[in-house]
C-alpha cells in the first residue's frame, strides 16, 4: 500500500540568516547586461 505523504504535516522551515545574506550578496554582485539580444553575466567581485 502506498504511503500518503501529503497527510503528514510539514514542519515550518525557515532558512538560516547566513543563507539569506549569502543569496542577497550574490544577487548584488551579479550584473546581467544585454547587447543586441545577447545576455552577458558578470560578477562585480
C-alpha atoms as a PDB file:
ATOM      1  CA  UNK A   1       0.000   0.000   0.000  1.00  0.00           C
ATOM      2  CA  UNK A   2       1.365   3.402  -0.958  1.00  0.00           C
ATOM      3  CA  UNK A   3       2.180   5.956   1.697  1.00  0.00           C
ATOM      4  CA  UNK A   4       0.341   9.242   1.535  1.00  0.00           C
ATOM      5  CA  UNK A   5       2.956  11.837   2.333  1.00  0.00           C
ATOM      6  CA  UNK A   6       0.537  14.711   1.889  1.00  0.00           C
ATOM      7  CA  UNK A   7      -1.361  13.712   5.022  1.00  0.00           C
ATOM      8  CA  UNK A   8       1.621  14.433   7.253  1.00  0.00           C
ATOM      9  CA  UNK A   9       2.043  17.955   8.491  1.00  0.00           C
ATOM     10  CA  UNK A  10       5.253  19.516   7.337  1.00  0.00           C
ATOM     11  CA  UNK A  11       7.162  21.463   9.926  1.00  0.00           C
ATOM     12  CA  UNK A  12       7.717  25.106   9.198  1.00  0.00           C
ATOM     13  CA  UNK A  13      11.085  25.531   7.525  1.00  0.00           C
ATOM     14  CA  UNK A  14      12.990  28.765   7.595  1.00  0.00           C
ATOM     15  CA  UNK A  15      16.447  29.473   6.163  1.00  0.00           C
ATOM     16  CA  UNK A  16      19.393  30.493   8.283  1.00  0.00           C
ATOM     17  CA  UNK A  17      20.310  34.150   8.395  1.00  0.00           C
ATOM     18  CA  UNK A  18      23.691  33.346   6.821  1.00  0.00           C
ATOM     19  CA  UNK A  19      21.991  31.696   3.855  1.00  0.00           C
ATOM     20  CA  UNK A  20      19.770  34.700   3.229  1.00  0.00           C
ATOM     21  CA  UNK A  21      22.721  37.081   3.478  1.00  0.00           C
ATOM     22  CA  UNK A  22      24.763  34.946   1.071  1.00  0.00           C
ATOM     23  CA  UNK A  23      22.000  34.936  -1.542  1.00  0.00           C
ATOM     24  CA  UNK A  24      21.401  38.674  -1.212  1.00  0.00           C
ATOM     25  CA  UNK A  25      25.110  39.454  -1.561  1.00  0.00           C
ATOM     26  CA  UNK A  26      25.368  37.108  -4.546  1.00  0.00           C
ATOM     27  CA  UNK A  27      22.470  38.805  -6.291  1.00  0.00           C
ATOM     28  CA  UNK A  28      24.010  42.227  -5.636  1.00  0.00           C
ATOM     29  CA  UNK A  29      27.322  41.131  -7.176  1.00  0.00           C
ATOM     30  CA  UNK A  30      25.721  39.705 -10.327  1.00  0.00           C
ATOM     31  CA  UNK A  31      25.170  42.044 -13.245  1.00  0.00           C
ATOM     32  CA  UNK A  32      23.405  40.973 -16.420  1.00  0.00           C
ATOM     33  CA  UNK A  33      23.992  43.143 -19.469  1.00  0.00           C
ATOM     34  CA  UNK A  34      22.099  42.901 -22.734  1.00  0.00           C
ATOM     35  CA  UNK A  35      23.655  43.817 -26.063  1.00  0.00           C
ATOM     36  CA  UNK A  36      21.909  43.119 -29.375  1.00  0.00           C
ATOM     37  CA  UNK A  37      19.728  40.301 -27.993  1.00  0.00           C
ATOM     38  CA  UNK A  38      22.704  38.706 -26.220  1.00  0.00           C
ATOM     39  CA  UNK A  39      22.929  38.500 -22.458  1.00  0.00           C
ATOM     40  CA  UNK A  40      26.236  38.709 -20.595  1.00  0.00           C
ATOM     41  CA  UNK A  41      26.633  37.789 -16.945  1.00  0.00           C
ATOM     42  CA  UNK A  42      29.428  39.348 -14.927  1.00  0.00           C
ATOM     43  CA  UNK A  43      30.360  39.356 -11.265  1.00  0.00           C
ATOM     44  CA  UNK A  44      31.398  42.591  -9.645  1.00  0.00           C
ATOM     45  CA  UNK A  45      33.749  40.960  -7.110  1.00  0.00           C
END
